[in-house]
C-alpha atoms as a PDB file:
ATOM      1  CA  MET A   1     -26.837  31.334 -31.915  1.00  0.00           C
ATOM      2  CA  HIS A   2     -30.465  32.204 -31.282  1.00  0.00           C
ATOM      3  CA  THR A   3     -32.369  35.280 -32.270  1.00  0.00           C
ATOM      4  CA  LEU A   4     -33.570  37.763 -29.686  1.00  0.00           C
ATOM      5  CA  SER A   5     -37.241  38.404 -28.938  1.00  0.00           C
ATOM      6  CA  VAL A   6     -37.811  41.969 -29.901  1.00  0.00           C
ATOM      7  CA  THR A   7     -40.495  42.502 -27.283  1.00  0.00           C
ATOM      8  CA  ARG A   8     -38.619  40.773 -24.442  1.00  0.00           C
ATOM      9  CA  PHE A   9     -35.325  42.498 -25.075  1.00  0.00           C
ATOM     10  CA  GLY A  10     -37.149  45.840 -25.453  1.00  0.00           C
ATOM     11  CA  PHE A  11     -38.930  45.235 -22.138  1.00  0.00           C
ATOM     12  CA  ALA A  12     -35.708  44.205 -20.429  1.00  0.00           C
ATOM     13  CA  LEU A  13     -33.897  47.349 -21.510  1.00  0.00           C
ATOM     14  CA  ALA A  14     -36.944  49.495 -20.612  1.00  0.00           C
ATOM     15  CA  MET A  15     -37.026  48.064 -17.073  1.00  0.00           C
ATOM     16  CA  ALA A  16     -33.274  48.503 -16.632  1.00  0.00           C
ATOM     17  CA  SER A  17     -33.550  52.091 -17.864  1.00  0.00           C
ATOM     18  CA  ALA A  18     -36.575  52.828 -15.600  1.00  0.00           C
ATOM     19  CA  LEU A  19     -34.829  51.283 -12.632  1.00  0.00           C
ATOM     20  CA  SER A  20     -31.749  53.476 -13.325  1.00  0.00           C
ATOM     21  CA  TYR A  21     -33.997  56.575 -13.406  1.00  0.00           C
ATOM     22  CA  VAL A  22     -35.581  55.636 -10.096  1.00  0.00           C
ATOM     23  CA  GLY A  23     -32.087  55.099  -8.676  1.00  0.00           C
ATOM     24  CA  CYS A  24     -31.184  58.571  -9.813  1.00  0.00           C
ATOM     25  CA  VAL A  25     -34.309  59.979  -8.159  1.00  0.00           C
ATOM     26  CA  PHE A  26     -33.402  58.090  -4.953  1.00  0.00           C
ATOM     27  CA  VAL A  27     -29.907  59.619  -5.019  1.00  0.00           C
ATOM     28  CA  MET A  28     -31.365  63.097  -5.522  1.00  0.00           C
ATOM     29  CA  MET A  29     -33.784  62.665  -2.637  1.00  0.00           C
ATOM     30  CA  THR A  30     -31.442  61.146  -0.084  1.00  0.00           C
ATOM     31  CA  VAL A  31     -28.000  62.752  -0.334  1.00  0.00           C
ATOM     32  CA  PRO A  32     -26.881  66.316   0.347  1.00  0.00           C
ATOM     33  CA  LYS A  33     -26.835  68.683  -2.595  1.00  0.00           C
ATOM     34  CA  ASP A  34     -22.993  68.891  -2.809  1.00  0.00           C
ATOM     35  CA  VAL A  35     -22.693  65.099  -2.774  1.00  0.00           C
ATOM     36  CA  ALA A  36     -25.300  64.771  -5.564  1.00  0.00           C
ATOM     37  CA  ILE A  37     -23.549  67.442  -7.629  1.00  0.00           C
ATOM     38  CA  ASN A  38     -20.170  65.755  -7.182  1.00  0.00           C
ATOM     39  CA  PHE A  39     -21.725  62.316  -8.085  1.00  0.00           C
ATOM     40  CA  PHE A  40     -23.342  63.597 -11.339  1.00  0.00           C
ATOM     41  CA  ASN A  41     -20.313  65.681 -12.180  1.00  0.00           C
ATOM     42  CA  SER A  42     -18.143  62.578 -12.106  1.00  0.00           C
ATOM     43  CA  ILE A  43     -20.624  60.617 -14.247  1.00  0.00           C
ATOM     44  CA  MET A  44     -20.595  63.498 -16.763  1.00  0.00           C
ATOM     45  CA  HIS A  45     -16.745  63.407 -16.985  1.00  0.00           C
ATOM     46  CA  GLY A  46     -16.271  66.612 -15.013  1.00  0.00           C
ATOM     47  CA  VAL A  47     -18.990  68.687 -16.685  1.00  0.00           C
ATOM     48  CA  ASP A  48     -20.407  71.014 -14.005  1.00  0.00           C
ATOM     49  CA  VAL A  49     -24.147  70.170 -13.672  1.00  0.00           C
ATOM     50  CA  THR A  50     -24.789  72.606 -10.887  1.00  0.00           C
ATOM     51  CA  SER A  51     -26.722  75.063 -13.086  1.00  0.00           C
ATOM     52  CA  ILE A  52     -29.050  72.425 -14.540  1.00  0.00           C
ATOM     53  CA  MET A  53     -29.831  70.452 -11.386  1.00  0.00           C
ATOM     54  CA  ARG A  54     -33.457  70.746 -10.172  1.00  0.00           C
ATOM     55  CA  TRP A  55     -34.219  70.192  -6.528  1.00  0.00           C
ATOM     56  CA  ASP A  56     -37.933  71.021  -6.546  1.00  0.00           C
ATOM     57  CA  MET A  57     -39.281  68.513  -9.033  1.00  0.00           C
ATOM     58  CA  PRO A  58     -42.851  67.443  -8.249  1.00  0.00           C
ATOM     59  CA  TRP A  59     -43.645  63.724  -7.940  1.00  0.00           C
ATOM     60  CA  TRP A  60     -45.807  63.733 -11.119  1.00  0.00           C
ATOM     61  CA  GLU A  61     -42.867  64.981 -13.217  1.00  0.00           C
ATOM     62  CA  MET A  62     -40.734  62.151 -11.824  1.00  0.00           C
ATOM     63  CA  PHE A  63     -43.492  59.663 -12.749  1.00  0.00           C
ATOM     64  CA  VAL A  64     -43.652  61.084 -16.279  1.00  0.00           C
ATOM     65  CA  GLY A  65     -39.855  60.856 -16.497  1.00  0.00           C
ATOM     66  CA  VAL A  66     -39.901  57.219 -15.496  1.00  0.00           C
ATOM     67  CA  LEU A  67     -42.643  56.488 -18.054  1.00  0.00           C
ATOM     68  CA  GLU A  68     -40.686  58.370 -20.835  1.00  0.00           C
ATOM     69  CA  ILE A  69     -37.516  56.528 -20.032  1.00  0.00           C
ATOM     70  CA  PHE A  70     -39.373  53.229 -20.013  1.00  0.00           C
ATOM     71  CA  ILE A  71     -40.781  53.945 -23.457  1.00  0.00           C
ATOM     72  CA  LEU A  72     -37.427  55.079 -24.864  1.00  0.00           C
ATOM     73  CA  GLY A  73     -35.726  52.062 -23.321  1.00  0.00           C
ATOM     74  CA  TRP A  74     -38.243  49.737 -24.920  1.00  0.00           C
ATOM     75  CA  LEU A  75     -37.752  51.363 -28.317  1.00  0.00           C
ATOM     76  CA  PHE A  76     -33.943  51.183 -28.107  1.00  0.00           C
ATOM     77  CA  GLY A  77     -34.114  47.599 -26.917  1.00  0.00           C
ATOM     78  CA  ALA A  78     -36.342  46.629 -29.771  1.00  0.00           C
ATOM     79  CA  ILE A  79     -34.136  48.373 -32.269  1.00  0.00           C
ATOM     80  CA  ILE A  80     -31.061  46.609 -30.825  1.00  0.00           C
ATOM     81  CA  ALA A  81     -32.821  43.228 -31.004  1.00  0.00           C
ATOM     82  CA  VAL A  82     -33.998  43.800 -34.597  1.00  0.00           C
ATOM     83  CA  PHE A  83     -30.512  44.695 -35.761  1.00  0.00           C
ATOM     84  CA  TYR A  84     -29.009  41.771 -33.787  1.00  0.00           C
ATOM     85  CA  ASN A  85     -31.451  39.426 -35.472  1.00  0.00           C
ATOM     86  CA  ILE A  86     -30.687  40.851 -38.882  1.00  0.00           C
ATOM     87  CA  GLY A  87     -26.980  40.265 -38.173  1.00  0.00           C
ATOM     88  CA  MET A  88     -27.610  36.729 -37.087  1.00  0.00           C
ATOM     89  CA  LYS A  89     -29.651  36.073 -40.258  1.00  0.00           C
ATOM     90  CA  ASN A  90     -26.927  37.350 -42.437  1.00  0.00           C
ATOM     91  CA  LYS A  91     -24.365  35.208 -40.500  1.00  0.00           C
ATOM     92  CA  LYS A  92     -26.388  32.112 -41.124  1.00  0.00           C
ATOM     93  CA  GLU A  93     -26.588  32.812 -44.821  1.00  0.00           C
ATOM     94  CA  SER A  94     -22.832  33.265 -45.142  1.00  0.00           C
END
């Protein structure tokens, strides 16, 4: 088994996370409110998200959200790669 590149895996997870966020934004912008609420309620295992849904979010907040999700995705991806590599190192020594 090979080790994972921390930066590449971090970037891959960051891009996947940011793309998911953009997909969420797209859903919010294109479907009727009741459909969006039903969609997100089903993702949240039936928790009613009606009271926390925002329909008037400005574009710059969405941009900041994508940037934040990208950064968090990169950090989580890097952490996963580091622990994976540590596990692979320990496996080789055994």
